Amino acid sequence: NFDHCSDLEELPGSICSLTSLERLSVTNCHLIQKLPDDLG
C-alpha cells in the first residue's frame, strides 16, 4: 500500500518483479503520473 506519499511521481518499475503480489494500492498520491509499463 502506498498512501499519501506526497512526492511520489512514478511507481518504480521494480515493483513488477513482485509476481506474488495480490493487492496493490496506490491512494492519495497526488503527483503520481505514470504506472510501470510492465504492470501486467
PDB file of all heavy atoms in Angstrom:
ATOM      1  N   ASN A   1       0.848  -1.194   0.000  1.00  0.00           N
ATOM      2  CA  ASN A   1       0.000   0.000   0.000  1.00  0.00           C
ATOM      3  C   ASN A   1       0.882   1.243   0.000  1.00  0.00           C
ATOM      4  O   ASN A   1       1.758   1.374   0.849  1.00  0.00           O
ATOM      5  CB  ASN A   1      -0.886   0.038   1.256  1.00  0.00           C
ATOM      6  CG  ASN A   1      -1.849  -1.109   1.307  1.00  0.00           C
ATOM      7  OD1 ASN A   1      -2.573  -1.351   0.358  1.00  0.00           O
ATOM      8  ND2 ASN A   1      -1.843  -1.830   2.407  1.00  0.00           N
ATOM      9  N   PHE A   2       0.636   2.127  -0.934  1.00  0.00           N
ATOM     10  CA  PHE A   2       1.247   3.453  -0.952  1.00  0.00           C
ATOM     11  C   PHE A   2       0.108   4.426  -0.705  1.00  0.00           C
ATOM     12  O   PHE A   2      -0.800   4.529  -1.536  1.00  0.00           O
ATOM     13  CB  PHE A   2       1.879   3.762  -2.313  1.00  0.00           C
ATOM     14  CG  PHE A   2       3.036   2.883  -2.680  1.00  0.00           C
ATOM     15  CD1 PHE A   2       2.835   1.713  -3.392  1.00  0.00           C
ATOM     16  CD2 PHE A   2       4.323   3.226  -2.309  1.00  0.00           C
ATOM     17  CE1 PHE A   2       3.892   0.907  -3.747  1.00  0.00           C
ATOM     18  CE2 PHE A   2       5.393   2.419  -2.654  1.00  0.00           C
ATOM     19  CZ  PHE A   2       5.178   1.251  -3.373  1.00  0.00           C
ATOM     20  N   ASP A   3       0.120   5.118   0.420  1.00  0.00           N
ATOM     21  CA  ASP A   3      -0.969   6.034   0.733  1.00  0.00           C
ATOM     22  C   ASP A   3      -0.389   7.369   1.195  1.00  0.00           C
ATOM     23  O   ASP A   3       0.469   7.405   2.078  1.00  0.00           O
ATOM     24  CB  ASP A   3      -1.868   5.426   1.814  1.00  0.00           C
ATOM     25  CG  ASP A   3      -3.102   6.264   2.067  1.00  0.00           C
ATOM     26  OD1 ASP A   3      -3.630   6.857   1.101  1.00  0.00           O
ATOM     27  OD2 ASP A   3      -3.539   6.340   3.224  1.00  0.00           O
ATOM     28  N   HIS A   4      -0.858   8.440   0.600  1.00  0.00           N
ATOM     29  CA  HIS A   4      -0.412   9.789   0.939  1.00  0.00           C
ATOM     30  C   HIS A   4       1.106   9.937   0.827  1.00  0.00           C
ATOM     31  O   HIS A   4       1.743  10.543   1.685  1.00  0.00           O
ATOM     32  CB  HIS A   4      -0.869  10.190   2.351  1.00  0.00           C
ATOM     33  CG  HIS A   4      -2.322  10.496   2.438  1.00  0.00           C
ATOM     34  ND1 HIS A   4      -3.255   9.538   2.756  1.00  0.00           N
ATOM     35  CD2 HIS A   4      -3.003  11.653   2.236  1.00  0.00           C
ATOM     36  CE1 HIS A   4      -4.450  10.085   2.758  1.00  0.00           C
ATOM     37  NE2 HIS A   4      -4.328  11.362   2.447  1.00  0.00           N
ATOM     38  N   CYS A   5       1.689   9.384  -0.218  1.00  0.00           N
ATOM     39  CA  CYS A   5       3.122   9.572  -0.479  1.00  0.00           C
ATOM     40  C   CYS A   5       3.237  10.867  -1.275  1.00  0.00           C
ATOM     41  O   CYS A   5       3.049  10.876  -2.497  1.00  0.00           O
ATOM     42  CB  CYS A   5       3.704   8.375  -1.207  1.00  0.00           C
ATOM     43  SG  CYS A   5       3.640   6.856  -0.243  1.00  0.00           S
ATOM     44  N   SER A   6       3.533  11.940  -0.601  1.00  0.00           N
ATOM     45  CA  SER A   6       3.361  13.283  -1.145  1.00  0.00           C
ATOM     46  C   SER A   6       4.257  13.631  -2.327  1.00  0.00           C
ATOM     47  O   SER A   6       3.929  14.527  -3.087  1.00  0.00           O
ATOM     48  CB  SER A   6       3.555  14.319  -0.036  1.00  0.00           C
ATOM     49  OG  SER A   6       4.859  14.224   0.502  1.00  0.00           O
ATOM     50  N   ASP A   7       5.397  12.961  -2.498  1.00  0.00           N
ATOM     51  CA  ASP A   7       6.262  13.327  -3.618  1.00  0.00           C
ATOM     52  C   ASP A   7       6.496  12.179  -4.597  1.00  0.00           C
ATOM     53  O   ASP A   7       7.353  12.263  -5.465  1.00  0.00           O
ATOM     54  CB  ASP A   7       7.597  13.873  -3.121  1.00  0.00           C
ATOM     55  CG  ASP A   7       8.418  12.841  -2.366  1.00  0.00           C
ATOM     56  OD1 ASP A   7       7.865  11.794  -1.994  1.00  0.00           O
ATOM     57  OD2 ASP A   7       9.619  13.092  -2.140  1.00  0.00           O
ATOM     58  N   LEU A   8       5.709  11.140  -4.512  1.00  0.00           N
ATOM     59  CA  LEU A   8       5.833  10.002  -5.420  1.00  0.00           C
ATOM     60  C   LEU A   8       5.224  10.360  -6.766  1.00  0.00           C
ATOM     61  O   LEU A   8       4.018  10.575  -6.872  1.00  0.00           O
ATOM     62  CB  LEU A   8       5.142   8.773  -4.825  1.00  0.00           C
ATOM     63  CG  LEU A   8       5.277   7.462  -5.594  1.00  0.00           C
ATOM     64  CD1 LEU A   8       6.742   7.019  -5.625  1.00  0.00           C
ATOM     65  CD2 LEU A   8       4.417   6.385  -4.952  1.00  0.00           C
ATOM     66  N   GLU A   9       6.058  10.450  -7.799  1.00  0.00           N
ATOM     67  CA  GLU A   9       5.592  10.820  -9.128  1.00  0.00           C
ATOM     68  C   GLU A   9       5.425   9.623 -10.048  1.00  0.00           C
ATOM     69  O   GLU A   9       4.687   9.689 -11.025  1.00  0.00           O
ATOM     70  CB  GLU A   9       6.565  11.812  -9.772  1.00  0.00           C
ATOM     71  CG  GLU A   9       6.592  13.147  -9.071  1.00  0.00           C
ATOM     72  CD  GLU A   9       7.567  14.114  -9.700  1.00  0.00           C
ATOM     73  OE1 GLU A   9       7.990  13.895 -10.849  1.00  0.00           O
ATOM     74  OE2 GLU A   9       7.904  15.100  -9.028  1.00  0.00           O
ATOM     75  N   GLU A  10       6.156   8.551  -9.760  1.00  0.00           N
ATOM     76  CA  GLU A  10       6.098   7.373 -10.611  1.00  0.00           C
ATOM     77  C   GLU A  10       6.341   6.138  -9.764  1.00  0.00           C
ATOM     78  O   GLU A  10       7.258   6.101  -8.947  1.00  0.00           O
ATOM     79  CB  GLU A  10       7.158   7.483 -11.705  1.00  0.00           C
ATOM     80  CG  GLU A  10       7.105   6.402 -12.730  1.00  0.00           C
ATOM     81  CD  GLU A  10       8.069   6.635 -13.878  1.00  0.00           C
ATOM     82  OE1 GLU A  10       8.408   7.804 -14.169  1.00  0.00           O
ATOM     83  OE2 GLU A  10       8.497   5.642 -14.473  1.00  0.00           O
ATOM     84  N   LEU A  11       5.510   5.149  -9.934  1.00  0.00           N
ATOM     85  CA  LEU A  11       5.693   3.892  -9.230  1.00  0.00           C
ATOM     86  C   LEU A  11       6.909   3.201  -9.835  1.00  0.00           C
ATOM     87  O   LEU A  11       7.024   3.102 -11.053  1.00  0.00           O
ATOM     88  CB  LEU A  11       4.449   3.028  -9.409  1.00  0.00           C
ATOM     89  CG  LEU A  11       4.154   1.973  -8.384  1.00  0.00           C
ATOM     90  CD1 LEU A  11       4.019   2.591  -6.995  1.00  0.00           C
ATOM     91  CD2 LEU A  11       2.889   1.233  -8.730  1.00  0.00           C
ATOM     92  N   PRO A  12       7.850   2.740  -9.020  1.00  0.00           N
ATOM     93  CA  PRO A  12       9.065   2.137  -9.576  1.00  0.00           C
ATOM     94  C   PRO A  12       8.762   0.851 -10.342  1.00  0.00           C
ATOM     95  O   PRO A  12       7.946   0.032  -9.906  1.00  0.00           O
ATOM     96  CB  PRO A  12       9.922   1.852  -8.337  1.00  0.00           C
ATOM     97  CG  PRO A  12       9.001   1.890  -7.188  1.00  0.00           C
ATOM     98  CD  PRO A  12       7.836   2.745  -7.561  1.00  0.00           C
ATOM     99  N   GLY A  13       9.410   0.687 -11.485  1.00  0.00           N
ATOM    100  CA  GLY A  13       9.214  -0.493 -12.322  1.00  0.00           C
ATOM    101  C   GLY A  13       9.610  -1.781 -11.631  1.00  0.00           C
ATOM    102  O   GLY A  13       9.097  -2.855 -11.952  1.00  0.00           O
ATOM    103  N   SER A  14      10.502  -1.693 -10.657  1.00  0.00           N
ATOM    104  CA  SER A  14      10.961  -2.902  -9.963  1.00  0.00           C
ATOM    105  C   SER A  14       9.827  -3.587  -9.201  1.00  0.00           C
ATOM    106  O   SER A  14       9.912  -4.775  -8.909  1.00  0.00           O
ATOM    107  CB  SER A  14      12.106  -2.560  -9.007  1.00  0.00           C
ATOM    108  OG  SER A  14      11.705  -1.587  -8.061  1.00  0.00           O
ATOM    109  N   ILE A  15       8.766  -2.875  -8.941  1.00  0.00           N
ATOM    110  CA  ILE A  15       7.630  -3.475  -8.239  1.00  0.00           C
ATOM    111  C   ILE A  15       7.017  -4.609  -9.069  1.00  0.00           C
ATOM    112  O   ILE A  15       6.425  -5.542  -8.533  1.00  0.00           O
ATOM    113  CB  ILE A  15       6.581  -2.405  -7.863  1.00  0.00           C
ATOM    114  CG1 ILE A  15       5.757  -2.877  -6.684  1.00  0.00           C
ATOM    115  CG2 ILE A  15       5.701  -2.053  -9.034  1.00  0.00           C
ATOM    116  CD1 ILE A  15       4.993  -1.772  -6.022  1.00  0.00           C
ATOM    117  N   CYS A  16       7.213  -4.566 -10.371  1.00  0.00           N
ATOM    118  CA  CYS A  16       6.657  -5.587 -11.259  1.00  0.00           C
ATOM    119  C   CYS A  16       7.364  -6.928 -11.113  1.00  0.00           C
ATOM    120  O   CYS A  16       6.896  -7.937 -11.652  1.00  0.00           O
ATOM    121  CB  CYS A  16       6.710  -5.111 -12.703  1.00  0.00           C
ATOM    122  SG  CYS A  16       5.719  -3.628 -12.966  1.00  0.00           S
ATOM    123  N   SER A  17       8.468  -6.958 -10.398  1.00  0.00           N
ATOM    124  CA  SER A  17       9.169  -8.215 -10.123  1.00  0.00           C
ATOM    125  C   SER A  17       8.531  -8.980  -8.974  1.00  0.00           C
ATOM    126  O   SER A  17       8.876 -10.129  -8.733  1.00  0.00           O
ATOM    127  CB  SER A  17      10.638  -7.937  -9.788  1.00  0.00           C
ATOM    128  OG  SER A  17      11.276  -7.326 -10.879  1.00  0.00           O
ATOM    129  N   LEU A  18       7.620  -8.352  -8.266  1.00  0.00           N
ATOM    130  CA  LEU A  18       6.952  -8.987  -7.130  1.00  0.00           C
ATOM    131  C   LEU A  18       5.733  -9.760  -7.640  1.00  0.00           C
ATOM    132  O   LEU A  18       4.587  -9.388  -7.397  1.00  0.00           O
ATOM    133  CB  LEU A  18       6.534  -7.937  -6.101  1.00  0.00           C
ATOM    134  CG  LEU A  18       7.671  -7.144  -5.484  1.00  0.00           C
ATOM    135  CD1 LEU A  18       7.141  -5.976  -4.668  1.00  0.00           C
ATOM    136  CD2 LEU A  18       8.536  -8.046  -4.622  1.00  0.00           C
ATOM    137  N   THR A  19       5.980 -10.840  -8.332  1.00  0.00           N
ATOM    138  CA  THR A  19       4.908 -11.557  -9.022  1.00  0.00           C
ATOM    139  C   THR A  19       3.926 -12.252  -8.085  1.00  0.00           C
ATOM    140  O   THR A  19       2.884 -12.717  -8.530  1.00  0.00           O
ATOM    141  CB  THR A  19       5.493 -12.577 -10.014  1.00  0.00           C
ATOM    142  OG1 THR A  19       6.359 -13.457  -9.300  1.00  0.00           O
ATOM    143  CG2 THR A  19       6.262 -11.864 -11.117  1.00  0.00           C
ATOM    144  N   SER A  20       4.232 -12.307  -6.790  1.00  0.00           N
ATOM    145  CA  SER A  20       3.288 -12.906  -5.837  1.00  0.00           C
ATOM    146  C   SER A  20       2.261 -11.887  -5.325  1.00  0.00           C
ATOM    147  O   SER A  20       1.324 -12.259  -4.626  1.00  0.00           O
ATOM    148  CB  SER A  20       4.041 -13.510  -4.658  1.00  0.00           C
ATOM    149  OG  SER A  20       4.759 -12.500  -3.966  1.00  0.00           O
ATOM    150  N   LEU A  21       2.427 -10.610  -5.667  1.00  0.00           N
ATOM    151  CA  LEU A  21       1.506  -9.573  -5.192  1.00  0.00           C
ATOM    152  C   LEU A  21       0.066  -9.887  -5.606  1.00  0.00           C
ATOM    153  O   LEU A  21      -0.207 -10.154  -6.771  1.00  0.00           O
ATOM    154  CB  LEU A  21       1.866  -8.206  -5.771  1.00  0.00           C
ATOM    155  CG  LEU A  21       2.793  -7.306  -4.991  1.00  0.00           C
ATOM    156  CD1 LEU A  21       2.904  -5.959  -5.666  1.00  0.00           C
ATOM    157  CD2 LEU A  21       2.417  -7.161  -3.556  1.00  0.00           C
ATOM    158  N   GLU A  22      -0.828  -9.817  -4.641  1.00  0.00           N
ATOM    159  CA  GLU A  22      -2.255 -10.000  -4.911  1.00  0.00           C
ATOM    160  C   GLU A  22      -3.018  -8.688  -4.780  1.00  0.00           C
ATOM    161  O   GLU A  22      -4.074  -8.527  -5.381  1.00  0.00           O
ATOM    162  CB  GLU A  22      -2.847 -11.029  -3.951  1.00  0.00           C
ATOM    163  CG  GLU A  22      -2.298 -12.417  -4.156  1.00  0.00           C
ATOM    164  CD  GLU A  22      -2.881 -13.432  -3.190  1.00  0.00           C
ATOM    165  OE1 GLU A  22      -3.855 -13.115  -2.463  1.00  0.00           O
ATOM    166  OE2 GLU A  22      -2.350 -14.560  -3.163  1.00  0.00           O
ATOM    167  N   ARG A  23      -2.494  -7.758  -3.976  1.00  0.00           N
ATOM    168  CA  ARG A  23      -3.161  -6.481  -3.742  1.00  0.00           C
ATOM    169  C   ARG A  23      -2.134  -5.344  -3.804  1.00  0.00           C
ATOM    170  O   ARG A  23      -1.144  -5.362  -3.080  1.00  0.00           O
ATOM    171  CB  ARG A  23      -3.854  -6.486  -2.381  1.00  0.00           C
ATOM    172  CG  ARG A  23      -4.990  -7.501  -2.296  1.00  0.00           C
ATOM    173  CD  ARG A  23      -5.604  -7.601  -0.918  1.00  0.00           C
ATOM    174  NE  ARG A  23      -4.694  -8.063   0.132  1.00  0.00           N
ATOM    175  CZ  ARG A  23      -4.359  -9.335   0.359  1.00  0.00           C
ATOM    176  NH1 ARG A  23      -4.846 -10.280  -0.400  1.00  0.00           N
ATOM    177  NH2 ARG A  23      -3.533  -9.659   1.340  1.00  0.00           N
ATOM    178  N   LEU A  24      -2.426  -4.382  -4.660  1.00  0.00           N
ATOM    179  CA  LEU A  24      -1.582  -3.207  -4.787  1.00  0.00           C
ATOM    180  C   LEU A  24      -2.481  -1.987  -4.702  1.00  0.00           C
ATOM    181  O   LEU A  24      -3.425  -1.844  -5.487  1.00  0.00           O
ATOM    182  CB  LEU A  24      -0.828  -3.220  -6.124  1.00  0.00           C
ATOM    183  CG  LEU A  24      -0.004  -1.977  -6.463  1.00  0.00           C
ATOM    184  CD1 LEU A  24       1.086  -1.730  -5.425  1.00  0.00           C
ATOM    185  CD2 LEU A  24       0.595  -2.109  -7.854  1.00  0.00           C
ATOM    186  N   SER A  25      -2.198  -1.136  -3.713  1.00  0.00           N
ATOM    187  CA  SER A  25      -2.974   0.094  -3.536  1.00  0.00           C
ATOM    188  C   SER A  25      -2.045   1.288  -3.618  1.00  0.00           C
ATOM    189  O   SER A  25      -1.048   1.352  -2.906  1.00  0.00           O
ATOM    190  CB  SER A  25      -3.674   0.100  -2.167  1.00  0.00           C
ATOM    191  OG  SER A  25      -4.659  -0.888  -2.114  1.00  0.00           O
ATOM    192  N   VAL A  26      -2.393   2.205  -4.487  1.00  0.00           N
ATOM    193  CA  VAL A  26      -1.692   3.475  -4.613  1.00  0.00           C
ATOM    194  C   VAL A  26      -2.788   4.520  -4.472  1.00  0.00           C
ATOM    195  O   VAL A  26      -3.551   4.765  -5.407  1.00  0.00           O
ATOM    196  CB  VAL A  26      -0.970   3.600  -5.971  1.00  0.00           C
ATOM    197  CG1 VAL A  26      -0.221   4.913  -6.060  1.00  0.00           C
ATOM    198  CG2 VAL A  26      -0.031   2.420  -6.198  1.00  0.00           C
ATOM    199  N   THR A  27      -2.906   5.097  -3.264  1.00  0.00           N
ATOM    200  CA  THR A  27      -4.016   6.004  -2.992  1.00  0.00           C
ATOM    201  C   THR A  27      -3.522   7.331  -2.447  1.00  0.00           C
ATOM    202  O   THR A  27      -2.532   7.382  -1.726  1.00  0.00           O
ATOM    203  CB  THR A  27      -4.997   5.364  -1.984  1.00  0.00           C
ATOM    204  OG1 THR A  27      -4.289   5.003  -0.807  1.00  0.00           O
ATOM    205  CG2 THR A  27      -5.649   4.130  -2.567  1.00  0.00           C
ATOM    206  N   ASN A  28      -4.210   8.372  -2.814  1.00  0.00           N
ATOM    207  CA  ASN A  28      -3.892   9.716  -2.330  1.00  0.00           C
ATOM    208  C   ASN A  28      -2.454  10.114  -2.627  1.00  0.00           C
ATOM    209  O   ASN A  28      -1.815  10.790  -1.837  1.00  0.00           O
ATOM    210  CB  ASN A  28      -4.177   9.824  -0.827  1.00  0.00           C
ATOM    211  CG  ASN A  28      -5.624   9.578  -0.514  1.00  0.00           C
ATOM    212  OD1 ASN A  28      -6.488  10.339  -0.942  1.00  0.00           O
ATOM    213  ND2 ASN A  28      -5.897   8.499   0.194  1.00  0.00           N
ATOM    214  N   CYS A  29      -1.951   9.686  -3.755  1.00  0.00           N
ATOM    215  CA  CYS A  29      -0.615  10.069  -4.222  1.00  0.00           C
ATOM    216  C   CYS A  29      -0.836  11.062  -5.357  1.00  0.00           C
ATOM    217  O   CYS A  29      -0.944  10.687  -6.533  1.00  0.00           O
ATOM    218  CB  CYS A  29       0.179   8.836  -4.668  1.00  0.00           C
ATOM    219  SG  CYS A  29       0.533   7.684  -3.327  1.00  0.00           S
ATOM    220  N   HIS A  30      -0.928  12.310  -5.006  1.00  0.00           N
ATOM    221  CA  HIS A  30      -1.401  13.342  -5.927  1.00  0.00           C
ATOM    222  C   HIS A  30      -0.449  13.658  -7.069  1.00  0.00           C
ATOM    223  O   HIS A  30      -0.872  14.217  -8.074  1.00  0.00           O
ATOM    224  CB  HIS A  30      -1.740  14.615  -5.142  1.00  0.00           C
ATOM    225  CG  HIS A  30      -2.882  14.396  -4.203  1.00  0.00           C
ATOM    226  ND1 HIS A  30      -4.140  14.876  -4.446  1.00  0.00           N
ATOM    227  CD2 HIS A  30      -2.969  13.710  -3.040  1.00  0.00           C
ATOM    228  CE1 HIS A  30      -4.950  14.511  -3.473  1.00  0.00           C
ATOM    229  NE2 HIS A  30      -4.261  13.795  -2.602  1.00  0.00           N
ATOM    230  N   LEU A  31       0.823  13.311  -6.946  1.00  0.00           N
ATOM    231  CA  LEU A  31       1.774  13.626  -8.006  1.00  0.00           C
ATOM    232  C   LEU A  31       2.037  12.471  -8.964  1.00  0.00           C
ATOM    233  O   LEU A  31       2.661  12.670  -9.994  1.00  0.00           O
ATOM    234  CB  LEU A  31       3.114  14.079  -7.397  1.00  0.00           C
ATOM    235  CG  LEU A  31       3.073  15.367  -6.574  1.00  0.00           C
ATOM    236  CD1 LEU A  31       4.457  15.690  -6.036  1.00  0.00           C
ATOM    237  CD2 LEU A  31       2.534  16.523  -7.400  1.00  0.00           C
ATOM    238  N   ILE A  32       1.574  11.289  -8.621  1.00  0.00           N
ATOM    239  CA  ILE A  32       1.888  10.141  -9.477  1.00  0.00           C
ATOM    240  C   ILE A  32       1.233  10.327 -10.838  1.00  0.00           C
ATOM    241  O   ILE A  32       0.048  10.620 -10.941  1.00  0.00           O
ATOM    242  CB  ILE A  32       1.511   8.797  -8.821  1.00  0.00           C
ATOM    243  CG1 ILE A  32       2.218   7.668  -9.540  1.00  0.00           C
ATOM    244  CG2 ILE A  32       0.014   8.569  -8.798  1.00  0.00           C
ATOM    245  CD1 ILE A  32       2.361   6.420  -8.695  1.00  0.00           C
ATOM    246  N   GLN A  33       2.052  10.218 -11.876  1.00  0.00           N
ATOM    247  CA  GLN A  33       1.588  10.451 -13.231  1.00  0.00           C
ATOM    248  C   GLN A  33       1.596   9.192 -14.073  1.00  0.00           C
ATOM    249  O   GLN A  33       0.906   9.111 -15.077  1.00  0.00           O
ATOM    250  CB  GLN A  33       2.469  11.492 -13.915  1.00  0.00           C
ATOM    251  CG  GLN A  33       2.452  12.823 -13.220  1.00  0.00           C
ATOM    252  CD  GLN A  33       3.432  13.799 -13.844  1.00  0.00           C
ATOM    253  OE1 GLN A  33       3.850  13.651 -14.976  1.00  0.00           O
ATOM    254  NE2 GLN A  33       3.809  14.808 -13.081  1.00  0.00           N
ATOM    255  N   LYS A  34       2.395   8.220 -13.664  1.00  0.00           N
ATOM    256  CA  LYS A  34       2.635   7.074 -14.528  1.00  0.00           C
ATOM    257  C   LYS A  34       2.763   5.807 -13.707  1.00  0.00           C
ATOM    258  O   LYS A  34       3.285   5.815 -12.606  1.00  0.00           O
ATOM    259  CB  LYS A  34       3.937   7.329 -15.301  1.00  0.00           C
ATOM    260  CG  LYS A  34       4.293   6.333 -16.347  1.00  0.00           C
ATOM    261  CD  LYS A  34       5.562   6.792 -17.049  1.00  0.00           C
ATOM    262  CE  LYS A  34       6.022   5.976 -18.197  1.00  0.00           C
ATOM    263  NZ  LYS A  34       5.809   4.614 -18.294  1.00  0.00           N
ATOM    264  N   LEU A  35       2.280   4.720 -14.283  1.00  0.00           N
ATOM    265  CA  LEU A  35       2.459   3.395 -13.717  1.00  0.00           C
ATOM    266  C   LEU A  35       3.482   2.659 -14.576  1.00  0.00           C
ATOM    267  O   LEU A  35       3.651   2.984 -15.755  1.00  0.00           O
ATOM    268  CB  LEU A  35       1.132   2.630 -13.719  1.00  0.00           C
ATOM    269  CG  LEU A  35       0.020   3.233 -12.886  1.00  0.00           C
ATOM    270  CD1 LEU A  35      -1.278   2.473 -13.099  1.00  0.00           C
ATOM    271  CD2 LEU A  35       0.397   3.241 -11.419  1.00  0.00           C
ATOM    272  N   PRO A  36       4.150   1.667 -14.021  1.00  0.00           N
ATOM    273  CA  PRO A  36       5.142   0.940 -14.824  1.00  0.00           C
ATOM    274  C   PRO A  36       4.507   0.281 -16.049  1.00  0.00           C
ATOM    275  O   PRO A  36       3.402  -0.262 -15.976  1.00  0.00           O
ATOM    276  CB  PRO A  36       5.685  -0.123 -13.862  1.00  0.00           C
ATOM    277  CG  PRO A  36       5.315   0.335 -12.496  1.00  0.00           C
ATOM    278  CD  PRO A  36       4.087   1.164 -12.644  1.00  0.00           C
ATOM    279  N   ASP A  37       5.225   0.314 -17.167  1.00  0.00           N
ATOM    280  CA  ASP A  37       4.731  -0.313 -18.392  1.00  0.00           C
ATOM    281  C   ASP A  37       4.542  -1.811 -18.221  1.00  0.00           C
ATOM    282  O   ASP A  37       3.691  -2.409 -18.863  1.00  0.00           O
ATOM    283  CB  ASP A  37       5.691  -0.046 -19.556  1.00  0.00           C
ATOM    284  CG  ASP A  37       5.675   1.420 -19.972  1.00  0.00           C
ATOM    285  OD1 ASP A  37       4.639   2.090 -19.772  1.00  0.00           O
ATOM    286  OD2 ASP A  37       6.697   1.894 -20.486  1.00  0.00           O
ATOM    287  N   ASP A  38       5.344  -2.425 -17.349  1.00  0.00           N
ATOM    288  CA  ASP A  38       5.298  -3.871 -17.138  1.00  0.00           C
ATOM    289  C   ASP A  38       4.316  -4.296 -16.057  1.00  0.00           C
ATOM    290  O   ASP A  38       4.415  -5.406 -15.536  1.00  0.00           O
ATOM    291  CB  ASP A  38       6.690  -4.394 -16.761  1.00  0.00           C
ATOM    292  CG  ASP A  38       7.636  -4.405 -17.932  1.00  0.00           C
ATOM    293  OD1 ASP A  38       7.154  -4.337 -19.073  1.00  0.00           O
ATOM    294  OD2 ASP A  38       8.846  -4.495 -17.701  1.00  0.00           O
ATOM    295  N   LEU A  39       3.363  -3.481 -15.715  1.00  0.00           N
ATOM    296  CA  LEU A  39       2.417  -3.799 -14.646  1.00  0.00           C
ATOM    297  C   LEU A  39       1.729  -5.146 -14.870  1.00  0.00           C
ATOM    298  O   LEU A  39       1.407  -5.861 -13.934  1.00  0.00           O
ATOM    299  CB  LEU A  39       1.377  -2.691 -14.516  1.00  0.00           C
ATOM    300  CG  LEU A  39       0.578  -2.670 -13.237  1.00  0.00           C
ATOM    301  CD1 LEU A  39       1.467  -2.316 -12.057  1.00  0.00           C
ATOM    302  CD2 LEU A  39      -0.565  -1.686 -13.330  1.00  0.00           C
ATOM    303  N   GLY A  40       1.568  -5.535 -16.110  1.00  0.00           N
ATOM    304  CA  GLY A  40       0.936  -6.797 -16.454  1.00  0.00           C
ATOM    305  C   GLY A  40       1.712  -8.025 -16.002  1.00  0.00           C
ATOM    306  O   GLY A  40       1.191  -9.138 -16.024  1.00  0.00           O
TER     307      GLY A  40
END
